[in-house]
Every structure is written in structure tokens, then in C-alpha cells.
Amino acid sequence: MSTFSDSVRHGPAQTAPGLAAFRDDSPRLSPLRSAIVAAGRRSEVDCLASLLDRAALPPEAAARVAVTARHLVETLRRTASRGGVEGLIHE
């Protein structure tokens, strides 16, 4: 006996008789929704490759980030408290 999960796995040709009436009434996915569904099935490695390329900062921005990060770390290291995040950064 065919089940609903079988129809999802194997497509409309395998649809259970009770669900056949709804098969043709299913909404079509927009191009954006189709892209979202397809992305949900991609491997993490494939997803990260394209995201890392887009996450790269221009050299000027990367320099500003480095200056800000250095300032924050140096400020935390000068404080007397060495617990929590400050303790980790001090190491």
C-alpha cells in the first residue's frame, strides 16, 4: 500500500489513490522558493564555498576590522578582571 511519504519520496506517479485528487492542485513554487528548497538539500561544503567568497572584505574594511579588534583585545587585557571572556582573551 502506498503512503503519503511514499508519494513525497517517489513523486506524483506513486501518489496514493486518496491523494490523487490533490496532486494537480498543488501550488507551483516561485523561483525564489525553488532556490530555497534546492539550497536546503546542498551539502555544507558546497554552501560554505560560495558564502566564503562573498564574505571576504575589501582590504580597507579588513584593515579597519583588524584595528578595532586589536583595540578591543588590548583594552580587555589591561583590565584587572580575568574571568569569563576577558580570561580567554588574556590567554
N, C-alpha and C. Protein backbone atom coordinates (compact mmCIF):
# COMPACT_ATOMS: atom_id res chain seq x y z
N MET A 1 0.84 -1.19 0.00
CA MET A 1 0.00 0.00 0.00
C MET A 1 0.88 1.24 0.00
N SER A 2 0.58 2.18 -0.84
CA SER A 2 1.34 3.41 -0.95
C SER A 2 0.90 4.39 0.14
N THR A 3 1.86 5.10 0.71
CA THR A 3 1.56 6.08 1.75
C THR A 3 1.90 7.47 1.24
N PHE A 4 1.52 8.48 2.05
CA PHE A 4 1.83 9.85 1.67
C PHE A 4 3.34 10.05 1.58
N SER A 5 4.09 9.48 2.53
CA SER A 5 5.54 9.66 2.48
C SER A 5 6.13 9.00 1.24
N ASP A 6 5.52 7.90 0.77
CA ASP A 6 5.97 7.29 -0.49
C ASP A 6 5.76 8.25 -1.65
N SER A 7 4.63 8.96 -1.65
CA SER A 7 4.36 9.88 -2.76
C SER A 7 5.32 11.05 -2.74
N VAL A 8 5.73 11.47 -1.54
CA VAL A 8 6.69 12.56 -1.45
C VAL A 8 8.05 12.09 -1.94
N ARG A 9 8.44 10.87 -1.55
CA ARG A 9 9.74 10.34 -1.95
C ARG A 9 9.82 10.02 -3.43
N HIS A 10 8.76 9.45 -3.97
CA HIS A 10 8.81 8.93 -5.34
C HIS A 10 8.10 9.80 -6.37
N GLY A 11 7.49 10.89 -5.95
CA GLY A 11 6.87 11.81 -6.89
C GLY A 11 5.42 11.47 -7.18
N PRO A 12 4.78 12.28 -8.02
CA PRO A 12 3.36 12.16 -8.28
C PRO A 12 2.93 10.83 -8.90
N ALA A 13 3.82 10.17 -9.63
CA ALA A 13 3.43 8.91 -10.27
C ALA A 13 3.08 7.85 -9.25
N GLN A 14 3.59 7.97 -8.04
CA GLN A 14 3.36 6.99 -6.99
C GLN A 14 2.32 7.46 -5.97
N THR A 15 1.57 8.52 -6.26
CA THR A 15 0.64 9.09 -5.30
C THR A 15 -0.43 8.08 -4.91
N ALA A 16 -0.71 8.04 -3.60
CA ALA A 16 -1.76 7.16 -3.09
C ALA A 16 -3.10 7.56 -3.70
N PRO A 17 -3.97 6.59 -3.96
CA PRO A 17 -5.26 6.89 -4.60
C PRO A 17 -6.06 7.98 -3.89
N GLY A 18 -6.05 8.00 -2.57
CA GLY A 18 -6.80 9.00 -1.83
C GLY A 18 -6.26 10.41 -2.00
N LEU A 19 -5.01 10.54 -2.39
CA LEU A 19 -4.38 11.85 -2.54
C LEU A 19 -4.32 12.31 -3.99
N ALA A 20 -4.70 11.45 -4.92
CA ALA A 20 -4.59 11.78 -6.34
C ALA A 20 -5.39 13.02 -6.70
N ALA A 21 -6.51 13.25 -6.02
CA ALA A 21 -7.33 14.42 -6.33
C ALA A 21 -6.61 15.72 -6.03
N PHE A 22 -5.67 15.69 -5.09
CA PHE A 22 -4.95 16.91 -4.71
C PHE A 22 -3.66 17.12 -5.49
N ARG A 23 -3.22 16.11 -6.21
CA ARG A 23 -1.94 16.18 -6.89
C ARG A 23 -1.86 17.35 -7.86
N ASP A 24 -2.85 17.57 -8.67
CA ASP A 24 -2.80 18.62 -9.67
C ASP A 24 -3.09 20.00 -9.11
N ASP A 25 -3.61 20.06 -7.87
CA ASP A 25 -3.93 21.35 -7.26
C ASP A 25 -2.79 21.90 -6.41
N SER A 26 -1.68 21.21 -6.36
CA SER A 26 -0.59 21.70 -5.53
C SER A 26 -0.02 22.97 -6.13
N PRO A 27 0.29 23.94 -5.28
CA PRO A 27 0.80 25.21 -5.80
C PRO A 27 2.20 25.04 -6.39
N ARG A 28 2.48 25.76 -7.43
CA ARG A 28 3.81 25.76 -8.04
C ARG A 28 4.71 26.67 -7.22
N LEU A 29 5.94 26.27 -7.05
CA LEU A 29 6.87 27.08 -6.29
C LEU A 29 7.40 28.23 -7.14
N SER A 30 7.55 29.38 -6.50
CA SER A 30 8.17 30.52 -7.19
C SER A 30 9.65 30.19 -7.40
N PRO A 31 10.31 30.91 -8.28
CA PRO A 31 11.75 30.67 -8.49
C PRO A 31 12.55 30.83 -7.20
N LEU A 32 12.19 31.83 -6.38
CA LEU A 32 12.91 32.05 -5.14
C LEU A 32 12.70 30.88 -4.18
N ARG A 33 11.44 30.42 -4.04
CA ARG A 33 11.15 29.29 -3.16
C ARG A 33 11.85 28.02 -3.67
N SER A 34 11.88 27.83 -4.98
CA SER A 34 12.58 26.68 -5.55
C SER A 34 14.06 26.72 -5.21
N ALA A 35 14.65 27.92 -5.27
CA ALA A 35 16.07 28.07 -4.93
C ALA A 35 16.30 27.76 -3.45
N ILE A 36 15.38 28.18 -2.60
CA ILE A 36 15.49 27.91 -1.16
C ILE A 36 15.41 26.41 -0.90
N VAL A 37 14.46 25.75 -1.54
CA VAL A 37 14.31 24.30 -1.37
C VAL A 37 15.58 23.58 -1.85
N ALA A 38 16.09 23.98 -3.00
CA ALA A 38 17.30 23.36 -3.54
C ALA A 38 18.50 23.59 -2.61
N ALA A 39 18.60 24.80 -2.05
CA ALA A 39 19.72 25.10 -1.15
C ALA A 39 19.66 24.27 0.11
N GLY A 40 18.47 23.94 0.55
CA GLY A 40 18.31 23.12 1.74
C GLY A 40 18.83 21.71 1.56
N ARG A 41 19.01 21.30 0.34
CA ARG A 41 19.49 19.95 0.05
C ARG A 41 20.97 19.91 -0.31
N ARG A 42 21.62 21.08 -0.37
CA ARG A 42 23.04 21.12 -0.71
C ARG A 42 23.88 20.73 0.49
N SER A 43 25.05 20.20 0.22
CA SER A 43 25.96 19.84 1.31
C SER A 43 26.53 21.10 1.93
N GLU A 44 26.98 20.97 3.16
CA GLU A 44 27.57 22.11 3.87
C GLU A 44 28.81 22.62 3.14
N VAL A 45 29.60 21.72 2.61
CA VAL A 45 30.82 22.11 1.89
C VAL A 45 30.47 23.00 0.69
N ASP A 46 29.45 22.59 -0.07
CA ASP A 46 29.04 23.39 -1.24
C ASP A 46 28.50 24.76 -0.82
N CYS A 47 27.76 24.80 0.27
CA CYS A 47 27.20 26.07 0.75
C CYS A 47 28.30 27.01 1.22
N LEU A 48 29.26 26.48 1.97
CA LEU A 48 30.31 27.32 2.52
C LEU A 48 31.22 27.91 1.46
N ALA A 49 31.49 27.16 0.42
CA ALA A 49 32.39 27.66 -0.63
C ALA A 49 31.87 28.97 -1.21
N SER A 50 30.60 29.03 -1.55
CA SER A 50 30.06 30.26 -2.14
C SER A 50 29.89 31.36 -1.10
N LEU A 51 29.59 31.00 0.14
CA LEU A 51 29.43 32.01 1.19
C LEU A 51 30.77 32.64 1.57
N LEU A 52 31.81 31.84 1.63
CA LEU A 52 33.12 32.38 1.98
C LEU A 52 33.62 33.38 0.94
N ASP A 53 33.35 33.09 -0.32
CA ASP A 53 33.74 34.04 -1.38
C ASP A 53 33.03 35.38 -1.19
N ARG A 54 31.77 35.34 -0.82
CA ARG A 54 31.01 36.58 -0.65
C ARG A 54 31.30 37.28 0.66
N ALA A 55 31.87 36.56 1.64
CA ALA A 55 32.13 37.14 2.95
C ALA A 55 33.47 37.87 3.03
N ALA A 56 34.29 37.75 2.02
CA ALA A 56 35.59 38.40 2.03
C ALA A 56 35.42 39.92 2.03
N LEU A 57 36.18 40.57 2.89
CA LEU A 57 36.12 42.03 2.97
C LEU A 57 37.14 42.67 2.04
N PRO A 58 36.81 43.85 1.53
CA PRO A 58 37.83 44.59 0.78
C PRO A 58 38.99 44.92 1.73
N PRO A 59 40.19 45.10 1.20
CA PRO A 59 41.36 45.34 2.05
C PRO A 59 41.19 46.49 3.04
N GLU A 60 40.55 47.59 2.62
CA GLU A 60 40.37 48.74 3.52
C GLU A 60 39.49 48.37 4.71
N ALA A 61 38.41 47.65 4.44
CA ALA A 61 37.50 47.23 5.50
C ALA A 61 38.17 46.23 6.42
N ALA A 62 38.93 45.30 5.86
CA ALA A 62 39.63 44.31 6.67
C ALA A 62 40.63 44.99 7.61
N ALA A 63 41.28 46.04 7.13
CA ALA A 63 42.24 46.78 7.95
C ALA A 63 41.51 47.47 9.11
N ARG A 64 40.36 48.07 8.83
CA ARG A 64 39.59 48.73 9.90
C ARG A 64 39.12 47.71 10.93
N VAL A 65 38.69 46.54 10.48
CA VAL A 65 38.25 45.49 11.40
C VAL A 65 39.42 45.05 12.28
N ALA A 66 40.59 44.88 11.70
CA ALA A 66 41.77 44.46 12.46
C ALA A 66 42.14 45.49 13.52
N VAL A 67 42.06 46.78 13.19
CA VAL A 67 42.38 47.84 14.14
C VAL A 67 41.38 47.81 15.30
N THR A 68 40.11 47.68 14.99
CA THR A 68 39.07 47.64 16.03
C THR A 68 39.25 46.42 16.92
N ALA A 69 39.49 45.27 16.32
CA ALA A 69 39.67 44.04 17.09
C ALA A 69 40.89 44.15 18.01
N ARG A 70 41.99 44.67 17.48
CA ARG A 70 43.20 44.84 18.29
C ARG A 70 42.94 45.76 19.47
N HIS A 71 42.23 46.87 19.21
CA HIS A 71 41.89 47.82 20.28
C HIS A 71 41.05 47.15 21.36
N LEU A 72 40.04 46.37 20.96
CA LEU A 72 39.19 45.69 21.93
C LEU A 72 39.97 44.69 22.77
N VAL A 73 40.82 43.90 22.14
CA VAL A 73 41.60 42.90 22.87
C VAL A 73 42.58 43.57 23.82
N GLU A 74 43.27 44.61 23.36
CA GLU A 74 44.23 45.30 24.23
C GLU A 74 43.53 45.93 25.42
N THR A 75 42.34 46.50 25.21
CA THR A 75 41.57 47.09 26.30
C THR A 75 41.17 46.03 27.31
N LEU A 76 40.70 44.90 26.85
CA LEU A 76 40.31 43.82 27.76
C LEU A 76 41.50 43.28 28.53
N ARG A 77 42.65 43.19 27.89
CA ARG A 77 43.84 42.66 28.56
C ARG A 77 44.36 43.60 29.65
N ARG A 78 44.09 44.90 29.52
CA ARG A 78 44.55 45.87 30.53
C ARG A 78 43.67 45.87 31.77
N THR A 79 42.47 45.35 31.70
CA THR A 79 41.57 45.37 32.85
C THR A 79 42.03 44.36 33.90
N ALA A 80 41.66 44.61 35.15
CA ALA A 80 42.07 43.75 36.26
C ALA A 80 41.32 42.41 36.26
N SER A 81 40.10 42.38 35.82
CA SER A 81 39.30 41.16 35.84
C SER A 81 39.84 40.16 34.82
N ARG A 82 39.96 38.90 35.23
CA ARG A 82 40.46 37.88 34.32
C ARG A 82 39.48 36.71 34.20
N GLY A 83 38.22 36.95 34.50
CA GLY A 83 37.23 35.88 34.39
C GLY A 83 36.48 35.97 33.08
N GLY A 84 35.75 34.94 32.75
CA GLY A 84 34.89 34.92 31.56
C GLY A 84 35.63 35.16 30.27
N VAL A 85 35.07 36.01 29.43
CA VAL A 85 35.65 36.31 28.12
C VAL A 85 37.02 36.97 28.27
N GLU A 86 37.14 37.84 29.26
CA GLU A 86 38.41 38.52 29.46
C GLU A 86 39.53 37.51 29.74
N GLY A 87 39.22 36.47 30.52
CA GLY A 87 40.22 35.45 30.82
C GLY A 87 40.66 34.69 29.58
N LEU A 88 39.72 34.41 28.70
CA LEU A 88 40.05 33.71 27.46
C LEU A 88 40.91 34.58 26.54
N ILE A 89 40.55 35.84 26.44
CA ILE A 89 41.29 36.74 25.55
C ILE A 89 42.68 37.00 26.10
N HIS A 90 42.81 37.04 27.42
CA HIS A 90 44.13 37.28 28.02
C HIS A 90 45.12 36.17 27.67
N GLU A 91 44.60 34.96 27.53
CA GLU A 91 45.47 33.83 27.17
C GLU A 91 45.94 34.01 25.77
